[in-house]
């Protein structure tokens, strides 16, 4: 607990750190709000499409087409906010990411040697693709 408080109350932090972390909070909040829509909207669209095909309902088919366009935009926004958050966690919270940021694919050797093991999610997937 005291370590976390010390990390948050670092007096030597640059003045730009607090506004950057506030912007990250906004990005995280919008990303968290988009996730339930990203899970539920495809299912609802599938139901409307099925209803339109089964009953010959043109309104349901048109609604499913419109929702599929919304899904594409929502997915793109989710990808962008998720990628931005990946970088923000490593840049704005380096102490926490060095201690708690390891993923299951990390060997853990970086944190044992005092280095942060944070990497963007895109490099994690490519670095383990050939391992086997």
N, C-alpha and C. Protein backbone atom coordinates (compact mmCIF):
# COMPACT_ATOMS: atom_id res chain seq x y z
N UNK A 1 0.83 -1.19 0.00
CA UNK A 1 0.00 0.00 0.00
C UNK A 1 0.87 1.24 0.00
N UNK A 2 1.91 1.25 0.87
CA UNK A 2 2.76 2.43 0.95
C UNK A 2 3.56 2.62 -0.33
N UNK A 3 3.92 1.53 -0.99
CA UNK A 3 4.66 1.64 -2.25
C UNK A 3 3.81 2.29 -3.32
N UNK A 4 2.54 1.91 -3.39
CA UNK A 4 1.64 2.50 -4.37
C UNK A 4 1.44 3.99 -4.10
N UNK A 5 1.27 4.35 -2.84
CA UNK A 5 1.09 5.75 -2.48
C UNK A 5 2.35 6.54 -2.84
N UNK A 6 3.51 5.94 -2.62
CA UNK A 6 4.76 6.61 -2.96
C UNK A 6 4.88 6.80 -4.46
N UNK A 7 4.42 5.83 -5.24
CA UNK A 7 4.46 5.97 -6.69
C UNK A 7 3.54 7.08 -7.17
N UNK A 8 2.36 7.19 -6.55
CA UNK A 8 1.39 8.18 -6.97
C UNK A 8 1.77 9.59 -6.51
N UNK A 9 2.42 9.70 -5.39
CA UNK A 9 2.73 11.01 -4.82
C UNK A 9 4.19 11.39 -5.05
N UNK A 10 4.73 11.02 -6.16
CA UNK A 10 6.12 11.31 -6.48
C UNK A 10 6.28 12.81 -6.70
N UNK A 11 7.03 13.47 -5.84
CA UNK A 11 7.18 14.92 -5.91
C UNK A 11 8.05 15.34 -7.09
N UNK A 12 8.89 14.46 -7.60
CA UNK A 12 9.78 14.79 -8.70
C UNK A 12 9.12 14.59 -10.06
N UNK A 13 7.84 14.32 -10.08
CA UNK A 13 7.14 14.07 -11.34
C UNK A 13 7.01 15.37 -12.13
N UNK A 14 7.16 15.30 -13.45
CA UNK A 14 7.01 16.52 -14.25
C UNK A 14 5.58 17.04 -14.20
N UNK A 15 5.38 18.33 -14.42
CA UNK A 15 4.02 18.90 -14.31
C UNK A 15 3.06 18.38 -15.38
N UNK A 16 3.56 17.81 -16.46
CA UNK A 16 2.68 17.28 -17.51
C UNK A 16 2.12 15.91 -17.16
N UNK A 17 2.62 15.28 -16.11
CA UNK A 17 2.21 13.92 -15.79
C UNK A 17 0.75 13.84 -15.36
N UNK A 18 0.30 14.74 -14.51
CA UNK A 18 -1.09 14.71 -14.05
C UNK A 18 -2.09 14.90 -15.19
N UNK A 19 -1.93 15.90 -16.06
CA UNK A 19 -2.88 16.01 -17.19
C UNK A 19 -2.84 14.80 -18.12
N UNK A 20 -1.66 14.22 -18.29
CA UNK A 20 -1.56 13.03 -19.13
C UNK A 20 -2.30 11.86 -18.51
N UNK A 21 -2.19 11.72 -17.20
CA UNK A 21 -2.91 10.63 -16.52
C UNK A 21 -4.42 10.89 -16.52
N UNK A 22 -4.83 12.16 -16.47
CA UNK A 22 -6.26 12.47 -16.56
C UNK A 22 -6.79 12.12 -17.94
N UNK A 23 -6.02 12.39 -18.97
CA UNK A 23 -6.42 12.01 -20.32
C UNK A 23 -6.49 10.50 -20.45
N UNK A 24 -5.57 9.79 -19.80
CA UNK A 24 -5.62 8.33 -19.82
C UNK A 24 -6.87 7.83 -19.12
N UNK A 25 -7.28 8.48 -18.04
CA UNK A 25 -8.50 8.09 -17.33
C UNK A 25 -9.71 8.24 -18.25
N UNK A 26 -9.75 9.31 -19.02
CA UNK A 26 -10.84 9.50 -19.97
C UNK A 26 -10.82 8.41 -21.05
N UNK A 27 -9.64 8.09 -21.57
CA UNK A 27 -9.52 7.04 -22.58
C UNK A 27 -9.95 5.70 -22.02
N UNK A 28 -9.53 5.40 -20.79
CA UNK A 28 -9.91 4.14 -20.16
C UNK A 28 -11.42 4.08 -19.92
N UNK A 29 -12.00 5.18 -19.46
CA UNK A 29 -13.45 5.19 -19.22
C UNK A 29 -14.23 4.98 -20.52
N UNK A 30 -13.81 5.64 -21.59
CA UNK A 30 -14.53 5.45 -22.86
C UNK A 30 -14.33 4.04 -23.39
N UNK A 31 -13.14 3.47 -23.20
CA UNK A 31 -12.89 2.10 -23.65
C UNK A 31 -13.75 1.11 -22.86
N UNK A 32 -13.85 1.32 -21.56
CA UNK A 32 -14.66 0.42 -20.73
C UNK A 32 -16.14 0.52 -21.10
N UNK A 33 -16.60 1.72 -21.45
CA UNK A 33 -17.99 1.87 -21.87
C UNK A 33 -18.26 1.21 -23.23
N UNK A 34 -17.27 1.17 -24.10
CA UNK A 34 -17.46 0.58 -25.42
C UNK A 34 -17.45 -0.94 -25.41
N UNK A 35 -16.80 -1.55 -24.45
CA UNK A 35 -16.67 -3.01 -24.42
C UNK A 35 -18.02 -3.73 -24.38
N UNK A 36 -18.96 -3.36 -23.50
CA UNK A 36 -20.24 -4.06 -23.51
C UNK A 36 -20.99 -3.94 -24.84
N UNK A 37 -20.87 -2.78 -25.49
CA UNK A 37 -21.50 -2.63 -26.80
C UNK A 37 -20.82 -3.53 -27.83
N UNK A 38 -19.52 -3.66 -27.73
CA UNK A 38 -18.79 -4.52 -28.64
C UNK A 38 -19.14 -5.99 -28.48
N UNK A 39 -19.58 -6.37 -27.31
CA UNK A 39 -19.98 -7.75 -27.06
C UNK A 39 -21.45 -7.96 -27.44
N UNK A 40 -22.31 -7.02 -27.08
CA UNK A 40 -23.75 -7.21 -27.25
C UNK A 40 -24.25 -6.86 -28.65
N UNK A 41 -23.69 -5.85 -29.29
CA UNK A 41 -24.21 -5.39 -30.57
C UNK A 41 -24.14 -6.44 -31.68
N UNK A 42 -23.08 -7.21 -31.80
CA UNK A 42 -23.09 -8.26 -32.83
C UNK A 42 -24.20 -9.29 -32.62
N UNK A 43 -24.45 -9.64 -31.38
CA UNK A 43 -25.52 -10.61 -31.10
C UNK A 43 -26.89 -10.03 -31.45
N UNK A 44 -27.12 -8.78 -31.07
CA UNK A 44 -28.40 -8.14 -31.38
C UNK A 44 -28.57 -7.99 -32.89
N UNK A 45 -27.49 -7.65 -33.58
CA UNK A 45 -27.55 -7.53 -35.05
C UNK A 45 -27.86 -8.88 -35.68
N UNK A 46 -27.25 -9.93 -35.16
CA UNK A 46 -27.53 -11.28 -35.67
C UNK A 46 -29.00 -11.65 -35.46
N UNK A 47 -29.55 -11.31 -34.30
CA UNK A 47 -30.96 -11.59 -34.04
C UNK A 47 -31.87 -10.83 -35.01
N UNK A 48 -31.56 -9.55 -35.24
CA UNK A 48 -32.38 -8.76 -36.18
C UNK A 48 -32.27 -9.31 -37.61
N UNK A 49 -31.07 -9.70 -37.99
CA UNK A 49 -30.88 -10.26 -39.33
C UNK A 49 -31.65 -11.57 -39.47
N UNK A 50 -31.58 -12.40 -38.45
CA UNK A 50 -32.32 -13.68 -38.47
C UNK A 50 -33.83 -13.43 -38.54
N UNK A 51 -34.29 -12.47 -37.76
CA UNK A 51 -35.71 -12.14 -37.78
C UNK A 51 -36.13 -11.62 -39.16
N UNK A 52 -35.30 -10.78 -39.75
CA UNK A 52 -35.61 -10.26 -41.07
C UNK A 52 -35.67 -11.33 -42.13
N UNK A 53 -34.75 -12.29 -42.07
CA UNK A 53 -34.75 -13.39 -43.05
C UNK A 53 -35.90 -14.36 -42.80
N UNK A 54 -36.13 -14.67 -41.55
CA UNK A 54 -37.15 -15.67 -41.19
C UNK A 54 -38.57 -15.17 -41.49
N UNK A 55 -38.83 -13.91 -41.15
CA UNK A 55 -40.19 -13.38 -41.29
C UNK A 55 -40.35 -12.48 -42.52
N UNK A 56 -39.28 -12.27 -43.25
CA UNK A 56 -39.37 -11.38 -44.40
C UNK A 56 -39.57 -9.93 -44.01
N UNK A 57 -39.03 -9.55 -42.87
CA UNK A 57 -39.20 -8.22 -42.32
C UNK A 57 -38.11 -7.30 -42.87
N UNK A 58 -38.48 -6.40 -43.78
CA UNK A 58 -37.51 -5.49 -44.39
C UNK A 58 -36.94 -4.49 -43.38
N UNK A 59 -37.75 -4.07 -42.43
CA UNK A 59 -37.28 -3.11 -41.42
C UNK A 59 -36.19 -3.74 -40.56
N UNK A 60 -36.37 -5.00 -40.18
CA UNK A 60 -35.36 -5.69 -39.38
C UNK A 60 -34.06 -5.87 -40.18
N UNK A 61 -34.17 -6.18 -41.46
CA UNK A 61 -32.97 -6.31 -42.29
C UNK A 61 -32.24 -4.97 -42.45
N UNK A 62 -33.00 -3.91 -42.65
CA UNK A 62 -32.39 -2.58 -42.78
C UNK A 62 -31.72 -2.17 -41.47
N UNK A 63 -32.38 -2.48 -40.36
CA UNK A 63 -31.81 -2.18 -39.05
C UNK A 63 -30.52 -2.96 -38.82
N UNK A 64 -30.50 -4.22 -39.20
CA UNK A 64 -29.29 -5.04 -39.06
C UNK A 64 -28.16 -4.48 -39.91
N UNK A 65 -28.47 -4.01 -41.12
CA UNK A 65 -27.43 -3.40 -41.98
C UNK A 65 -26.87 -2.14 -41.34
N UNK A 66 -27.72 -1.31 -40.79
CA UNK A 66 -27.25 -0.08 -40.15
C UNK A 66 -26.42 -0.39 -38.92
N UNK A 67 -26.86 -1.36 -38.13
CA UNK A 67 -26.11 -1.71 -36.94
C UNK A 67 -24.76 -2.32 -37.29
N UNK A 68 -24.67 -3.01 -38.42
CA UNK A 68 -23.38 -3.57 -38.81
C UNK A 68 -22.39 -2.46 -39.15
N UNK A 69 -22.87 -1.36 -39.73
CA UNK A 69 -21.99 -0.22 -39.98
C UNK A 69 -21.55 0.41 -38.66
N UNK A 70 -22.46 0.51 -37.70
CA UNK A 70 -22.12 1.04 -36.38
C UNK A 70 -21.11 0.12 -35.70
N UNK A 71 -21.27 -1.19 -35.87
CA UNK A 71 -20.33 -2.14 -35.28
C UNK A 71 -18.93 -1.93 -35.82
N UNK A 72 -18.81 -1.68 -37.12
CA UNK A 72 -17.49 -1.47 -37.72
C UNK A 72 -16.81 -0.24 -37.13
N UNK A 73 -17.56 0.84 -36.99
CA UNK A 73 -17.00 2.07 -36.40
C UNK A 73 -16.65 1.85 -34.94
N UNK A 74 -17.53 1.19 -34.21
CA UNK A 74 -17.30 0.92 -32.79
C UNK A 74 -16.09 0.03 -32.61
N UNK A 75 -15.90 -0.97 -33.46
CA UNK A 75 -14.74 -1.85 -33.37
C UNK A 75 -13.45 -1.06 -33.63
N UNK A 76 -13.48 -0.19 -34.63
CA UNK A 76 -12.29 0.62 -34.93
C UNK A 76 -11.94 1.54 -33.76
N UNK A 77 -12.94 2.16 -33.16
CA UNK A 77 -12.69 3.02 -32.00
C UNK A 77 -12.14 2.21 -30.84
N UNK A 78 -12.67 1.01 -30.64
CA UNK A 78 -12.16 0.14 -29.57
C UNK A 78 -10.72 -0.27 -29.80
N UNK A 79 -10.36 -0.55 -31.05
CA UNK A 79 -8.97 -0.91 -31.36
C UNK A 79 -8.05 0.27 -31.08
N UNK A 80 -8.45 1.45 -31.50
CA UNK A 80 -7.61 2.64 -31.29
C UNK A 80 -7.45 2.94 -29.80
N UNK A 81 -8.55 2.95 -29.05
CA UNK A 81 -8.44 3.26 -27.63
C UNK A 81 -7.66 2.18 -26.89
N UNK A 82 -7.82 0.92 -27.28
CA UNK A 82 -7.05 -0.16 -26.65
C UNK A 82 -5.57 -0.04 -26.92
N UNK A 83 -5.21 0.32 -28.13
CA UNK A 83 -3.80 0.51 -28.47
C UNK A 83 -3.21 1.69 -27.73
N UNK A 84 -3.96 2.79 -27.68
CA UNK A 84 -3.49 3.97 -26.95
C UNK A 84 -3.31 3.63 -25.47
N UNK A 85 -4.25 2.90 -24.90
CA UNK A 85 -4.13 2.52 -23.49
C UNK A 85 -2.92 1.65 -23.24
N UNK A 86 -2.60 0.77 -24.17
CA UNK A 86 -1.43 -0.09 -24.02
C UNK A 86 -0.16 0.74 -23.88
N UNK A 87 -0.03 1.76 -24.70
CA UNK A 87 1.13 2.63 -24.60
C UNK A 87 1.07 3.52 -23.36
N UNK A 88 -0.12 4.03 -23.03
CA UNK A 88 -0.25 4.93 -21.89
C UNK A 88 0.09 4.22 -20.58
N UNK A 89 -0.31 2.97 -20.43
CA UNK A 89 0.03 2.25 -19.21
C UNK A 89 1.54 2.16 -19.04
N UNK A 90 2.25 1.88 -20.10
CA UNK A 90 3.70 1.76 -19.99
C UNK A 90 4.40 3.08 -19.81
N UNK A 91 3.88 4.14 -20.43
CA UNK A 91 4.54 5.44 -20.34
C UNK A 91 4.20 6.21 -19.08
N UNK A 92 2.95 6.13 -18.64
CA UNK A 92 2.50 6.95 -17.51
C UNK A 92 2.57 6.24 -16.16
N UNK A 93 2.65 4.92 -16.18
CA UNK A 93 2.71 4.16 -14.94
C UNK A 93 3.87 3.16 -15.00
N UNK A 94 5.10 3.60 -15.26
CA UNK A 94 6.20 2.64 -15.46
C UNK A 94 6.52 1.82 -14.22
N UNK A 95 6.38 2.40 -13.04
CA UNK A 95 6.66 1.65 -11.81
C UNK A 95 5.68 0.52 -11.61
N UNK A 96 4.41 0.80 -11.82
CA UNK A 96 3.39 -0.24 -11.66
C UNK A 96 3.49 -1.30 -12.75
N UNK A 97 3.76 -0.87 -13.98
CA UNK A 97 3.84 -1.85 -15.06
C UNK A 97 5.08 -2.72 -14.91
N UNK A 98 6.15 -2.18 -14.33
CA UNK A 98 7.34 -2.99 -14.08
C UNK A 98 7.08 -4.04 -13.02
N UNK A 99 6.21 -3.72 -12.08
CA UNK A 99 5.95 -4.67 -10.99
C UNK A 99 4.81 -5.63 -11.32
N UNK A 100 3.71 -5.10 -11.89
CA UNK A 100 2.52 -5.92 -12.12
C UNK A 100 2.18 -6.10 -13.59
N UNK A 101 3.01 -5.63 -14.49
CA UNK A 101 2.65 -5.61 -15.90
C UNK A 101 3.00 -6.84 -16.70
N UNK A 102 3.53 -7.88 -16.07
CA UNK A 102 3.91 -9.07 -16.82
C UNK A 102 2.68 -9.81 -17.32
N UNK A 103 2.82 -10.38 -18.50
CA UNK A 103 1.76 -11.21 -19.04
C UNK A 103 2.15 -12.67 -18.87
N UNK A 104 1.26 -13.57 -19.18
CA UNK A 104 1.55 -14.99 -19.00
C UNK A 104 2.62 -15.47 -19.96
N UNK A 105 2.83 -14.75 -21.09
CA UNK A 105 3.86 -15.17 -22.03
C UNK A 105 5.24 -14.65 -21.67
N UNK A 106 5.32 -13.70 -20.71
CA UNK A 106 6.62 -13.19 -20.29
C UNK A 106 7.35 -14.22 -19.45
N UNK A 107 8.66 -14.25 -19.61
CA UNK A 107 9.44 -15.20 -18.83
C UNK A 107 9.67 -14.73 -17.41
N UNK A 108 9.57 -13.43 -17.18
CA UNK A 108 9.78 -12.89 -15.85
C UNK A 108 11.22 -12.51 -15.59
N UNK A 109 12.13 -12.82 -16.50
CA UNK A 109 13.54 -12.52 -16.27
C UNK A 109 13.80 -11.03 -16.28
N UNK A 110 13.04 -10.27 -17.06
CA UNK A 110 13.25 -8.83 -17.12
C UNK A 110 12.97 -8.17 -15.78
N UNK A 111 11.91 -8.59 -15.10
CA UNK A 111 11.59 -7.97 -13.82
C UNK A 111 12.57 -8.42 -12.74
N UNK A 112 13.13 -9.62 -12.84
CA UNK A 112 14.11 -10.07 -11.86
C UNK A 112 15.41 -9.29 -11.98
N UNK A 113 15.68 -8.75 -13.17
CA UNK A 113 16.91 -8.00 -13.38
C UNK A 113 16.69 -6.50 -13.25
N UNK A 114 15.54 -6.07 -12.78
CA UNK A 114 15.28 -4.68 -12.52
C UNK A 114 14.81 -3.88 -13.72
N UNK A 115 14.51 -4.53 -14.82
CA UNK A 115 14.02 -3.82 -16.01
C UNK A 115 12.52 -4.03 -16.12
N UNK A 116 11.85 -3.04 -16.67
CA UNK A 116 10.41 -3.17 -16.91
C UNK A 116 10.18 -4.15 -18.04
N UNK A 117 9.19 -4.99 -17.90
CA UNK A 117 8.91 -5.97 -18.94
C UNK A 117 7.76 -5.53 -19.83
N UNK A 118 7.38 -4.27 -19.78
CA UNK A 118 6.26 -3.80 -20.58
C UNK A 118 6.66 -3.70 -22.03
N UNK A 119 5.77 -4.22 -22.90
CA UNK A 119 5.90 -4.08 -24.34
C UNK A 119 4.50 -3.86 -24.89
N UNK A 120 4.37 -3.13 -26.00
CA UNK A 120 3.04 -2.99 -26.60
C UNK A 120 2.47 -4.35 -26.98
N UNK A 121 1.16 -4.46 -26.99
CA UNK A 121 0.52 -5.74 -27.26
C UNK A 121 0.89 -6.28 -28.63
N UNK A 122 1.15 -5.41 -29.61
CA UNK A 122 1.50 -5.89 -30.93
C UNK A 122 2.84 -6.61 -30.93
N UNK A 123 3.80 -6.16 -30.12
CA UNK A 123 5.09 -6.84 -30.10
C UNK A 123 5.04 -8.14 -29.31
N UNK A 124 4.10 -8.23 -28.34
CA UNK A 124 3.96 -9.47 -27.60
C UNK A 124 3.53 -10.61 -28.49
N UNK A 125 2.59 -10.34 -29.39
CA UNK A 125 2.08 -11.42 -30.23
C UNK A 125 3.10 -11.83 -31.28
N UNK A 126 3.88 -10.89 -31.80
CA UNK A 126 4.85 -11.26 -32.82
C UNK A 126 6.07 -11.92 -32.23
N UNK A 127 6.41 -11.58 -30.99
CA UNK A 127 7.63 -12.16 -30.41
C UNK A 127 7.43 -13.60 -29.99
N UNK A 128 6.20 -14.04 -29.76
CA UNK A 128 5.96 -15.41 -29.36
C UNK A 128 5.40 -16.26 -30.49
N UNK A 129 5.25 -15.67 -31.68
CA UNK A 129 4.63 -16.43 -32.77
C UNK A 129 5.48 -17.60 -33.22
N UNK A 130 6.80 -17.46 -33.24
CA UNK A 130 7.66 -18.53 -33.71
C UNK A 130 8.15 -19.45 -32.62
N UNK A 131 7.83 -19.13 -31.37
CA UNK A 131 8.30 -19.96 -30.26
C UNK A 131 7.54 -21.27 -30.24
N UNK A 132 8.26 -22.28 -29.94
CA UNK A 132 7.46 -23.45 -29.96
C UNK A 132 7.94 -24.67 -29.41
